[in-house]
Protein backbone atom coordinates (compact mmCIF):
# COMPACT_ATOMS: atom_id res chain seq x y z
CA MET A 1 0.19 0.19 -0.13
CA ASN A 2 1.53 3.70 -1.24
CA ASN A 3 1.19 6.46 1.23
CA LYS A 4 -1.45 7.81 -0.75
CA GLN A 5 -4.09 4.95 -0.39
CA PHE A 6 -2.99 4.75 3.23
CA ILE A 7 -4.29 8.38 3.65
CA SER A 8 -7.33 7.37 1.72
CA ALA A 9 -8.04 4.47 4.08
CA LEU A 10 -7.73 6.61 7.01
CA LYS A 11 -9.79 9.32 5.86
CA LYS A 12 -12.72 6.54 5.63
CA ALA A 13 -11.73 5.00 9.25
CA LEU A 14 -11.90 8.70 10.51
CA ALA A 15 -15.12 9.56 9.04
CA GLY A 16 -16.52 9.95 12.47
CA LEU A 17 -14.50 12.81 13.46
CA ASP A 18 -15.66 16.14 12.64
CA LYS A 19 -14.15 17.71 9.32
CA ALA A 20 -11.38 20.28 11.77
CA SER A 21 -10.45 16.93 13.75
CA ARG A 22 -9.89 14.53 10.80
CA ASN A 23 -8.07 17.08 8.73
CA ASP A 24 -5.53 17.82 11.68
CA ILE A 25 -4.81 14.35 11.84
CA ILE A 26 -4.78 13.37 8.01
CA GLN A 27 -2.45 16.60 7.84
CA GLU A 28 0.05 15.37 10.44
CA ILE A 29 0.29 11.96 8.79
CA ASN A 30 0.87 13.60 5.84
CA SER A 31 3.76 15.17 7.27
CA HIS A 32 5.19 11.85 8.37
CA GLY A 33 5.35 10.64 4.63
CA LEU A 34 7.04 14.14 3.55
CA GLU A 35 9.71 13.97 6.17
CA SER A 36 10.97 9.76 5.90
CA ASP A 37 11.57 7.60 3.16
CA SER A 38 9.66 4.71 5.07
CA PRO A 39 5.87 4.11 3.97
CA LEU A 40 3.31 5.36 6.20
CA VAL A 41 2.41 1.91 6.49
CA ASP A 42 5.56 0.32 8.01
CA GLN A 43 5.67 3.38 10.30
CA PHE A 44 2.22 3.00 11.82
CA GLY A 45 0.24 -0.43 10.53
CA SER A 46 -2.75 -0.57 8.75
CA ALA A 47 -4.64 2.66 8.65
CA GLU A 48 -7.66 1.20 10.87
CA GLU A 49 -5.09 0.26 13.48
CA LEU A 50 -4.14 3.86 13.34
CA ALA A 51 -7.80 5.47 13.35
CA GLN A 52 -8.74 2.75 16.27
CA GLN A 53 -6.04 4.62 18.31
CA TYR A 54 -7.64 8.24 17.60
CA LEU A 55 -10.96 6.58 18.13
CA ASP A 56 -9.90 4.87 21.45
CA GLY A 57 -11.62 1.92 21.59
CA GLU A 58 -14.92 3.39 19.66
CA LYS A 59 -15.84 0.83 16.77
CA ILE A 60 -15.17 2.63 13.36
CA ALA A 61 -18.65 1.22 11.79
CA LYS A 62 -21.22 3.24 12.90
CA PRO A 63 -24.18 5.25 11.40
CA ILE A 64 -23.41 8.95 10.28
CA SER A 65 -25.81 10.36 12.80
CA SER A 66 -23.88 8.41 15.79
CA LYS A 67 -20.67 8.99 14.30
CA ILE A 68 -21.18 12.93 14.46
CA TRP A 69 -22.99 12.79 18.15
CA GLY A 70 -21.57 9.48 19.47
CA PHE A 71 -17.78 10.44 20.94
CA SER A 72 -17.89 10.45 24.79
CA LYS A 73 -15.91 12.63 26.57
CA LYS A 74 -13.25 9.91 27.14
CA VAL A 75 -12.75 9.49 23.49
CA LEU A 76 -12.61 13.19 22.93
CA MET A 77 -9.84 13.66 25.43
CA GLY A 78 -8.35 10.43 23.90
CA ILE A 79 -8.37 12.30 20.82
CA GLY A 80 -6.44 15.24 22.04
CA VAL A 81 -3.75 13.61 24.15
CA ALA A 82 -3.35 11.60 20.89
CA VAL A 83 -2.82 14.24 18.75
CA VAL A 84 -0.57 16.12 20.61
CA SER A 85 1.38 12.95 21.17
CA LEU A 86 1.64 12.92 17.11
CA VAL A 87 3.14 16.32 17.31
CA ALA A 88 5.69 15.64 19.37
CA LEU A 89 6.84 12.98 17.66
CA ILE A 90 6.85 15.08 14.26
CA GLY A 91 8.90 17.55 16.21
CA ILE A 92 11.62 14.73 17.09
CA LEU A 93 11.45 13.72 13.09
CA SER A 94 12.00 16.79 12.08
CA TYR A 95 14.64 17.34 14.60
CA THR A 96 16.99 14.61 12.82
CA TYR A 97 17.69 14.28 9.26
CA ALA A 98 15.07 12.99 7.19
CA LYS A 99 17.43 9.86 5.67
CA ASP A 100 20.10 8.06 7.22
CA LYS A 101 23.43 9.23 6.61
CA PHE A 102 24.40 5.86 5.76
CA ASP A 103 23.19 2.49 6.35
CA TYR A 104 23.28 2.03 9.94
CA ALA A 105 22.95 -1.94 9.70
CA ASN A 106 26.07 -1.90 8.09
CA GLU A 107 28.36 -2.82 10.15
CA ASN A 108 31.54 -2.37 8.08
CA ALA A 109 30.35 0.92 7.17
CA ASP A 110 33.32 2.96 6.61
CA GLU A 111 31.86 5.85 9.00
CA LEU A 112 32.18 3.05 12.21
CA SER A 113 35.96 3.29 11.94
CA ALA A 114 37.26 4.10 15.10
CA ASN A 115 40.28 5.93 13.05
CA ASN A 116 37.82 8.29 12.04
CA SER A 117 37.92 11.80 13.90
CA GLY A 118 35.13 12.70 15.98
CA TRP A 119 35.26 8.79 17.56
CA LYS A 120 35.70 9.41 21.59
CA SER A 121 35.93 6.52 24.14
CA GLU A 122 35.78 5.69 27.96
CA ALA A 123 36.74 2.61 29.67
CA TRP A 124 33.44 0.84 31.10
CA SER A 125 32.77 -2.33 32.71
CA ALA A 126 29.77 -1.69 34.77
CA ASP A 127 26.19 -2.29 33.92
CA ILE A 128 24.90 0.77 32.28
CA ASN A 129 21.88 2.58 32.43
CA LEU A 130 21.66 4.56 29.19
CA ASP A 131 19.10 7.76 29.40
CA ILE A 132 18.37 9.53 25.71
CA ASP A 133 16.03 12.71 25.92
CA GLN A 134 15.38 14.61 22.80
CA ALA A 135 17.96 12.66 20.57
CA SER A 136 18.72 9.89 18.46
CA ALA A 137 21.13 6.77 18.91
CA VAL A 138 22.52 4.18 16.70
CA ILE A 139 23.86 1.48 18.91
CA TYR A 140 26.05 -1.19 18.18
CA TRP A 141 28.02 -3.74 20.43
CA HIS A 142 31.91 -4.68 20.91
CA ASP A 143 34.34 -6.90 22.80
CA ASP A 144 35.62 -4.10 24.35
CA ASN A 145 35.32 -2.77 28.00
CA SER A 146 34.78 0.71 26.91
CA VAL A 147 31.91 3.16 25.48
CA ARG A 148 32.96 4.41 21.87
CA TRP A 149 30.83 7.29 20.52
CA ASN A 150 30.64 10.04 17.52
CA CYS A 151 28.19 12.54 18.22
CA GLU A 152 26.33 15.50 16.25
CA GLY A 153 25.46 17.42 19.18
CA ASP A 154 26.38 17.37 22.74
CA ASP A 155 28.41 14.33 23.68
CA PRO A 156 27.39 11.76 26.41
CA GLU A 157 27.46 12.85 30.07
CA LYS A 158 28.52 10.61 32.67
CA GLN A 159 25.93 11.14 35.60
CA SER A 160 27.32 8.07 37.74
CA ASP A 161 29.54 4.75 37.34
CA SER A 162 26.47 3.12 35.41
CA SER A 163 24.81 6.00 34.11
CA LEU A 164 24.66 7.96 31.16
CA LEU A 165 22.83 10.71 29.46
CA ILE A 166 22.62 11.84 25.66
CA ARG A 167 20.56 14.82 25.39
CA HIS A 168 19.85 17.24 21.83
CA SER A 169 22.21 15.05 19.88
CA HIS A 170 22.68 12.30 17.00
CA CYS A 171 25.24 9.65 18.35
CA LEU A 172 27.04 6.78 17.11
CA MET A 173 27.35 4.38 20.14
CA TYR A 174 29.51 0.98 20.78
CA LEU A 175 28.81 -0.51 24.10
CA PRO A 176 30.16 -3.32 26.27
CA LYS A 177 28.33 -6.61 26.07
CA THR A 178 27.07 -5.80 29.87
CA THR A 179 23.51 -5.23 31.20
CA ILE A 180 21.70 -2.49 29.53
CA ASN A 181 18.82 -0.51 30.67
CA LEU A 182 17.70 2.21 28.02
CA ASN A 183 15.41 5.00 28.98
CA ALA A 184 14.38 6.96 25.69
CA ILE A 185 12.13 10.11 25.54
CA GLN A 186 10.86 11.67 22.52
CA SER A 187 13.67 9.89 20.72
CA GLN A 188 14.66 7.45 17.74
CA ILE A 189 16.69 4.61 18.67
CA VAL A 190 18.35 2.14 16.49
CA LEU A 191 19.49 -1.41 18.11
CA VAL A 192 22.21 -2.70 15.58
CA ARG A 193 22.29 -6.94 16.25
CA PRO A 194 22.07 -6.82 19.77
CA GLN A 195 24.13 -8.55 21.87
CA VAL A 196 22.99 -8.54 25.13
CA SER A 197 19.45 -8.39 26.49
CA ILE A 198 17.95 -5.03 27.15
CA VAL A 199 15.19 -3.43 28.93
CA VAL A 200 13.98 -0.77 26.89
CA ASN A 201 11.25 2.05 28.12
CA ALA A 202 10.42 4.50 25.21
CA ARG A 203 7.90 7.24 25.10
CA GLN A 204 6.86 9.15 22.42
CA GLY A 205 9.69 8.03 20.04
CA SER A 206 10.64 4.93 17.71
CA VAL A 207 12.79 2.06 18.45
CA LYS A 208 14.10 0.08 15.48
CA VAL A 209 15.87 -3.19 15.54
CA ALA A 210 18.27 -4.24 12.63
CA GLU A 211 18.74 -7.85 13.72
CA ASN A 212 21.29 -8.58 10.76
CA GLY A 213 20.22 -12.55 10.93
CA GLU A 214 20.04 -12.86 14.84
CA GLN A 215 17.29 -14.17 16.69
CA TYR A 216 15.39 -12.87 19.60
CA ILE A 217 12.93 -13.17 22.38
CA TYR A 218 10.19 -9.95 22.18
CA ARG A 219 8.47 -8.74 25.25
CA VAL A 220 6.48 -6.15 24.83
CA GLU A 221 3.96 -3.97 26.88
CA GLY A 222 2.23 -0.83 24.95
CA ASP A 223 0.07 1.99 25.54
CA ARG A 224 -0.99 3.57 21.96
CA SER A 225 1.75 2.43 20.83
CA ALA A 226 2.76 -0.27 17.73
CA PHE A 227 4.84 -3.02 17.51
CA LYS A 228 5.07 -4.67 14.21
CA GLY A 229 7.73 -6.43 11.57
CA LEU A 230 9.62 -8.58 14.48
CA GLU A 231 9.03 -12.07 14.96
CA SER A 232 9.96 -13.55 18.62
CA TYR A 233 11.82 -16.72 19.36
CA ASP A 234 11.67 -18.35 22.33
CA GLU A 235 15.25 -20.72 22.25
CA ALA A 236 16.67 -17.18 21.48
CA GLU A 237 19.87 -16.29 23.69
CA HIS A 238 18.79 -12.69 24.16
CA THR A 239 15.55 -10.90 25.41
CA LEU A 240 14.58 -7.47 24.11
CA GLN A 241 11.70 -6.18 26.67
CA PHE A 242 9.95 -3.09 25.56
CA THR A 243 7.97 -1.05 27.81
CA ILE A 244 6.76 1.93 25.48
CA LYS A 245 3.98 4.63 25.27
CA GLU A 246 2.58 6.48 22.26
CA SER A 247 5.81 4.65 20.43
CA MET A 248 7.20 2.28 17.73
CA VAL A 249 8.98 -0.78 17.51
CA ALA A 250 9.74 -2.19 14.24
CA PRO A 251 13.06 -3.47 12.39
CA TYR A 252 15.17 -1.11 10.86
CA LYS A 253 15.10 -0.48 6.99
CA TYR A 254 17.52 1.90 5.39
């Protein structure tokens, strides 16, 4: 399904909303299509599923009269929250580049060479609590007991012996193979072939996984969120555990 077909299907699914609210939503979703190379269906799932989030549990197929008058106060509040969240997500996307500078899933890319200027490193052997706030990060793993990064914007801030903060920047990172707790707020994260189990808490953003042939156990708890395109394998070695709110988890695609 191309973006034009997706928007057409979304308009039909949102027929129960007043014209002004429906137009606002369509405009925001169109903005996603213009700012990203990924098809809208890859970003949001089906148009009906996306519409259902705005309608907050109301059945989409209703008579015209009940569509106009049948929304409760709870539904209207839900629509308001969803629209505000979507606006915030658009702001994140506009902060970062519309297209990746290179294929982040390519672990042999020249841009990842430690010999390139801009790469910094710090010894690290403890578990890691990684907080990412209004930023984007592409995360890789290596065998060294160090954290290595190359950031456009602010460098990571060490909050304690086990905590790092990334804020208002775009970072490429290598992490050691230690336990990782990742908290992301209004951010875009790419996990490239994770080599440890990870706990991820994400709000108003996106997490994409480049499996690169590996298999994982996925455990997901979501609120007004989407998890799609990734398959869980019970026999896999590592577990990726997601608690997501108004966010998306999907495969990474260049």
